[in-house]
Amino acid sequence: MDAYLALTGKAALVTGAASGIGRAIAELFARQGAAVAIVDLNAPDGQALADAIAETGARALFVKADVTRTEEARHAVQAAISKFGRLDILVNNAGTIRRATVVETSEEEWDQVMAVNVRSAFLFAKHALPMMTALGGGVVINVASGWGLVGGRRAAAYCASKGAIVQLTRAMALDHAADRIRVNCICPGDTDTPMLRGEAAQTGTPVESFLAGAAQRPLGRVGRPEEIAAAALYLAGDASEYVTGTALIVDGGGLAGSV
């Protein structure tokens, strides 16, 4: 194992980890030696993942939580600390999308997208950062989106929320650098996850046609969750020890001509 990518002795918490990108991050971090707290509302899949990781000899914990609720976020962070005795890495990955214009989006839908995508990151950071500071440092990785850097059609709430995550990342990086806490975000392009396939239904497009359209980028395909997880591993480990406040684009070249 490359020492720069090793997470041995570290403890990580990943929100939205029962499926998709979050699941891939939790699995990869565990393979690299980290103890992993899996946080999700999906208890069957979250617990099954924790059990599967534990069977490999790694340490894992599942915590069922609504990431938008203050007390549940606080409980999840405390559960991880109680189990592992520390918290070194926070991955704010939980996310949702509503494919609609401002006119088409209800107030309830707007609030839900902002709560899952932005409020949750604020809440988990608020409760995790004091422990990281006490330990002498840590890493926060926020999962944003390419649409946090450029606009997208019929995704007004989602674009607004991911743009907020990019700016929250930069602000946190400035505020907590003196505490030796690095804060970065990943901006994935279209990645083959249940959420991406759900977008097809929201837009009324057959899944295969939707995925074919999403693949129209320089590398000619959509991403795999494991590829986003690899970027998260880079940001979590010593290989990126001089990197903070950045938005790492992982999108097959989709934004290469835009930003």
Protein backbone atom coordinates (compact mmCIF):
# COMPACT_ATOMS: atom_id res chain seq x y z
CA MET A 1 0.00 0.00 0.00
CA ASP A 2 1.36 3.39 -1.02
CA ALA A 3 2.01 5.36 2.17
CA TYR A 4 0.64 8.50 0.55
CA LEU A 5 -2.70 6.77 0.01
CA ALA A 6 -2.82 4.77 3.23
CA LEU A 7 -5.46 5.67 5.80
CA THR A 8 -4.30 3.25 8.46
CA GLY A 9 -5.25 4.43 11.94
CA LYS A 10 -7.67 7.03 10.60
CA ALA A 11 -11.42 7.16 11.15
CA ALA A 12 -13.79 8.48 8.49
CA LEU A 13 -17.49 9.34 8.37
CA VAL A 14 -19.28 9.27 5.01
CA THR A 15 -22.83 10.56 4.57
CA GLY A 16 -25.10 9.09 1.93
CA ALA A 17 -22.90 6.01 1.99
CA ALA A 18 -25.44 3.24 1.40
CA SER A 19 -25.19 3.50 -2.40
CA GLY A 20 -23.51 5.21 -5.32
CA ILE A 21 -20.49 7.43 -4.80
CA GLY A 22 -20.75 7.33 -1.02
CA ARG A 23 -20.69 3.54 -0.98
CA ALA A 24 -17.63 3.47 -3.24
CA ILE A 25 -15.84 5.95 -0.99
CA ALA A 26 -16.61 3.96 2.16
CA GLU A 27 -15.41 0.71 0.56
CA LEU A 28 -12.19 2.25 -0.74
CA PHE A 29 -11.36 4.02 2.51
CA ALA A 30 -11.86 0.75 4.40
CA ARG A 31 -9.54 -1.09 1.99
CA GLN A 32 -6.93 1.60 2.63
CA GLY A 33 -7.06 0.99 6.37
CA ALA A 34 -9.60 3.48 7.69
CA ALA A 35 -12.36 2.74 10.15
CA VAL A 36 -15.55 3.92 8.45
CA ALA A 37 -18.86 5.24 9.78
CA ILE A 38 -21.58 4.80 7.17
CA VAL A 39 -24.42 7.32 7.56
CA ASP A 40 -27.64 6.98 5.59
CA LEU A 41 -31.43 6.76 5.92
CA ASN A 42 -31.39 3.46 4.05
CA ALA A 43 -30.86 1.10 6.98
CA PRO A 44 -30.92 -2.27 5.13
CA ASP A 45 -28.29 -1.29 2.56
CA GLY A 46 -26.25 0.76 5.03
CA GLN A 47 -26.06 -2.02 7.58
CA ALA A 48 -25.30 -4.60 4.88
CA LEU A 49 -22.37 -2.47 3.72
CA ALA A 50 -21.05 -2.08 7.25
CA ASP A 51 -21.30 -5.85 7.75
CA ALA A 52 -19.53 -6.54 4.44
CA ILE A 53 -16.69 -4.18 5.35
CA ALA A 54 -16.36 -5.75 8.79
CA GLU A 55 -16.07 -9.19 7.19
CA THR A 56 -12.88 -8.02 5.46
CA GLY A 57 -11.33 -7.27 8.84
CA ALA A 58 -11.82 -3.51 8.68
CA ARG A 59 -13.78 -1.57 11.28
CA ALA A 60 -17.17 -0.23 10.24
CA LEU A 61 -20.27 1.27 11.81
CA PHE A 62 -23.69 2.04 10.35
CA VAL A 63 -25.68 4.96 11.72
CA LYS A 64 -29.18 5.59 10.44
CA ALA A 65 -29.75 9.33 10.25
CA ASP A 66 -31.70 12.04 8.49
CA VAL A 67 -28.71 14.20 7.59
CA THR A 68 -30.86 17.36 7.51
CA ARG A 69 -31.73 17.18 11.22
CA THR A 70 -29.45 18.77 13.79
CA GLU A 71 -29.76 16.15 16.49
CA GLU A 72 -29.38 13.24 14.09
CA ALA A 73 -26.23 14.76 12.58
CA ARG A 74 -24.81 15.35 16.05
CA HIS A 75 -25.68 11.79 17.08
CA ALA A 76 -24.02 10.32 13.98
CA VAL A 77 -20.78 12.21 14.63
CA GLN A 78 -20.78 11.24 18.29
CA ALA A 79 -21.52 7.60 17.45
CA ALA A 80 -18.48 7.50 15.17
CA ILE A 81 -16.27 9.09 17.80
CA SER A 82 -17.56 6.74 20.50
CA LYS A 83 -16.92 3.70 18.29
CA PHE A 84 -13.52 4.65 16.90
CA GLY A 85 -12.20 7.08 19.51
CA ARG A 86 -11.44 9.73 16.88
CA LEU A 87 -12.65 11.32 13.64
CA ASP A 88 -10.08 12.30 11.04
CA ILE A 89 -12.02 12.47 7.78
CA LEU A 90 -15.52 13.77 7.05
CA VAL A 91 -17.05 13.18 3.63
CA ASN A 92 -20.22 15.20 3.06
CA ASN A 93 -21.61 13.15 0.20
CA ALA A 94 -25.37 12.94 0.82
CA GLY A 95 -27.27 14.50 -2.06
CA THR A 96 -30.50 14.70 -3.99
CA ILE A 97 -31.67 16.32 -7.21
CA ARG A 98 -34.87 17.77 -8.62
CA ARG A 99 -34.78 18.28 -12.37
CA ALA A 100 -36.91 21.39 -12.79
CA THR A 101 -36.77 25.09 -13.54
CA VAL A 102 -37.41 27.68 -10.84
CA VAL A 103 -41.01 27.98 -12.04
CA GLU A 104 -41.53 24.21 -11.95
CA THR A 105 -39.91 23.75 -8.53
CA SER A 106 -42.18 23.92 -5.50
CA GLU A 107 -41.02 25.65 -2.33
CA GLU A 108 -41.00 22.27 -0.58
CA GLU A 109 -38.80 20.76 -3.28
CA TRP A 110 -36.42 23.72 -3.13
CA ASP A 111 -36.14 23.43 0.64
CA GLN A 112 -35.55 19.66 0.45
CA VAL A 113 -32.74 19.94 -2.10
CA MET A 114 -31.04 22.71 -0.14
CA ALA A 115 -31.44 20.81 3.13
CA VAL A 116 -29.97 17.54 1.88
CA ASN A 117 -27.22 19.08 -0.24
CA VAL A 118 -26.15 22.10 1.84
CA ARG A 119 -27.61 22.06 5.34
CA SER A 120 -26.33 18.53 5.95
CA ALA A 121 -22.76 19.55 5.08
CA PHE A 122 -23.02 22.49 7.47
CA LEU A 123 -24.42 20.34 10.28
CA PHE A 124 -21.88 17.53 10.00
CA ALA A 125 -18.97 19.96 9.74
CA LYS A 126 -20.27 21.92 12.73
CA HIS A 127 -20.22 18.80 14.91
CA ALA A 128 -17.10 17.15 13.46
CA LEU A 129 -14.69 20.09 13.35
CA PRO A 130 -14.23 20.44 17.12
CA MET A 131 -13.04 16.82 17.36
CA MET A 132 -10.66 17.30 14.45
CA THR A 133 -9.30 20.45 16.03
CA ALA A 134 -8.75 18.61 19.31
CA LEU A 135 -6.86 15.87 17.44
CA GLY A 136 -4.58 18.42 15.79
CA GLY A 137 -6.06 18.30 12.31
CA GLY A 138 -8.26 16.52 9.84
CA VAL A 139 -9.82 16.51 6.40
CA VAL A 140 -13.27 17.53 5.15
CA ILE A 141 -14.31 16.49 1.65
CA ASN A 142 -17.54 17.92 0.27
CA VAL A 143 -19.09 16.34 -2.80
CA ALA A 144 -20.30 19.13 -5.08
CA SER A 145 -20.87 18.80 -8.84
CA GLY A 146 -19.76 20.17 -12.16
CA TRP A 147 -23.06 22.04 -12.01
CA GLY A 148 -21.73 23.83 -8.97
CA LEU A 149 -19.29 25.58 -11.32
CA VAL A 150 -21.42 26.03 -14.45
CA GLY A 151 -25.18 26.11 -14.91
CA GLY A 152 -27.36 23.25 -16.07
CA ARG A 153 -30.81 23.18 -17.60
CA ARG A 154 -33.85 22.24 -15.52
CA ALA A 155 -31.86 21.81 -12.30
CA ALA A 156 -32.17 25.20 -10.64
CA ALA A 157 -32.24 24.06 -7.01
CA TYR A 158 -29.51 21.49 -7.57
CA CYS A 159 -27.18 23.97 -9.29
CA ALA A 160 -27.77 26.52 -6.52
CA SER A 161 -27.04 23.94 -3.83
CA LYS A 162 -23.85 22.67 -5.42
CA GLY A 163 -22.60 26.18 -6.06
CA ALA A 164 -23.16 26.81 -2.37
CA ILE A 165 -21.07 23.73 -1.52
CA VAL A 166 -18.16 25.01 -3.62
CA GLN A 167 -18.22 28.34 -1.80
CA LEU A 168 -18.75 26.73 1.60
CA THR A 169 -15.66 24.63 0.91
CA ARG A 170 -13.56 27.71 0.21
CA ALA A 171 -14.82 29.55 3.28
CA MET A 172 -14.20 26.58 5.57
CA ALA A 173 -10.72 26.10 4.15
CA LEU A 174 -9.86 29.67 5.11
CA ASP A 175 -11.45 29.46 8.54
CA HIS A 176 -9.85 26.20 9.63
CA ALA A 177 -6.41 26.12 8.01
CA ALA A 178 -4.85 27.29 11.28
CA ASP A 179 -6.37 24.21 12.93
CA ARG A 180 -4.58 22.01 10.36
CA ILE A 181 -7.90 21.02 8.84
CA ARG A 182 -7.94 20.81 5.07
CA VAL A 183 -11.26 21.33 3.29
CA ASN A 184 -11.76 20.48 -0.38
CA CYS A 185 -14.60 19.47 -2.65
CA ILE A 186 -15.01 17.13 -5.59
CA CYS A 187 -17.06 18.20 -8.60
CA PRO A 188 -18.07 14.99 -10.38
CA GLY A 189 -19.54 14.89 -13.82
CA ASP A 190 -22.36 12.45 -14.62
CA THR A 191 -21.57 9.24 -12.76
CA ASP A 192 -23.47 5.96 -13.10
CA THR A 193 -25.36 5.91 -9.82
CA PRO A 194 -28.99 5.33 -8.80
CA MET A 195 -29.42 9.11 -8.57
CA LEU A 196 -28.25 9.64 -12.15
CA ARG A 197 -30.62 6.95 -13.39
CA GLY A 198 -33.38 8.59 -11.37
CA GLU A 199 -32.81 11.77 -13.32
CA ALA A 200 -33.89 9.94 -16.46
CA ALA A 201 -37.31 9.34 -14.92
CA GLN A 202 -37.56 12.96 -13.77
CA THR A 203 -36.84 14.23 -17.28
CA GLY A 204 -39.06 11.62 -18.95
CA THR A 205 -36.14 10.12 -20.88
CA PRO A 206 -35.46 6.39 -21.36
CA VAL A 207 -32.51 5.41 -19.17
CA GLU A 208 -30.28 4.26 -22.02
CA SER A 209 -30.91 7.43 -24.00
CA PHE A 210 -30.26 9.54 -20.92
CA LEU A 211 -26.97 7.78 -20.21
CA ALA A 212 -25.94 8.09 -23.86
CA GLY A 213 -26.51 11.82 -23.68
CA ALA A 214 -24.57 12.05 -20.43
CA ALA A 215 -21.65 10.30 -22.11
CA GLN A 216 -21.22 13.15 -24.60
CA ARG A 217 -17.94 14.45 -23.19
CA PRO A 218 -14.29 14.20 -24.32
CA LEU A 219 -13.67 10.79 -22.73
CA GLY A 220 -16.89 9.49 -24.26
CA ARG A 221 -18.54 7.90 -21.23
CA VAL A 222 -20.07 8.58 -17.83
CA GLY A 223 -17.97 8.10 -14.73
CA ARG A 224 -17.89 5.18 -12.34
CA PRO A 225 -18.41 5.67 -8.59
CA GLU A 226 -15.00 4.08 -7.99
CA GLU A 227 -13.35 6.87 -9.99
CA ILE A 228 -14.89 9.55 -7.78
CA ALA A 229 -13.85 7.51 -4.74
CA ALA A 230 -10.26 7.53 -6.00
CA ALA A 231 -10.34 11.33 -6.06
CA ALA A 232 -11.69 11.34 -2.51
CA LEU A 233 -8.86 9.04 -1.42
CA TYR A 234 -6.32 11.47 -2.87
CA LEU A 235 -7.88 14.36 -0.94
CA ALA A 236 -8.11 12.31 2.26
CA GLY A 237 -4.49 11.17 2.38
CA ASP A 238 -1.02 12.62 2.68
CA ALA A 239 -0.62 12.92 -1.09
CA SER A 240 -2.72 16.10 -0.92
CA GLU A 241 -1.27 17.56 2.28
CA TYR A 242 -0.66 20.94 0.56
CA VAL A 243 -4.13 21.08 -1.02
CA THR A 244 -7.00 22.98 0.59
CA GLY A 245 -9.85 25.15 -0.64
CA THR A 246 -9.92 23.55 -4.07
CA ALA A 247 -12.70 22.18 -6.26
CA LEU A 248 -11.40 19.05 -7.97
CA ILE A 249 -13.25 18.41 -11.24
CA VAL A 250 -13.62 14.70 -12.09
CA ASP A 251 -15.85 14.65 -15.16
CA GLY A 252 -14.18 13.07 -18.17
CA GLY A 253 -13.39 16.51 -19.60
CA GLY A 254 -16.98 17.69 -19.64
CA LEU A 255 -16.16 21.17 -18.35
CA ALA A 256 -12.80 21.48 -20.08
CA GLY A 257 -14.12 24.11 -22.47
CA SER A 258 -16.32 25.86 -19.91
CA VAL A 259 -14.20 26.89 -16.93
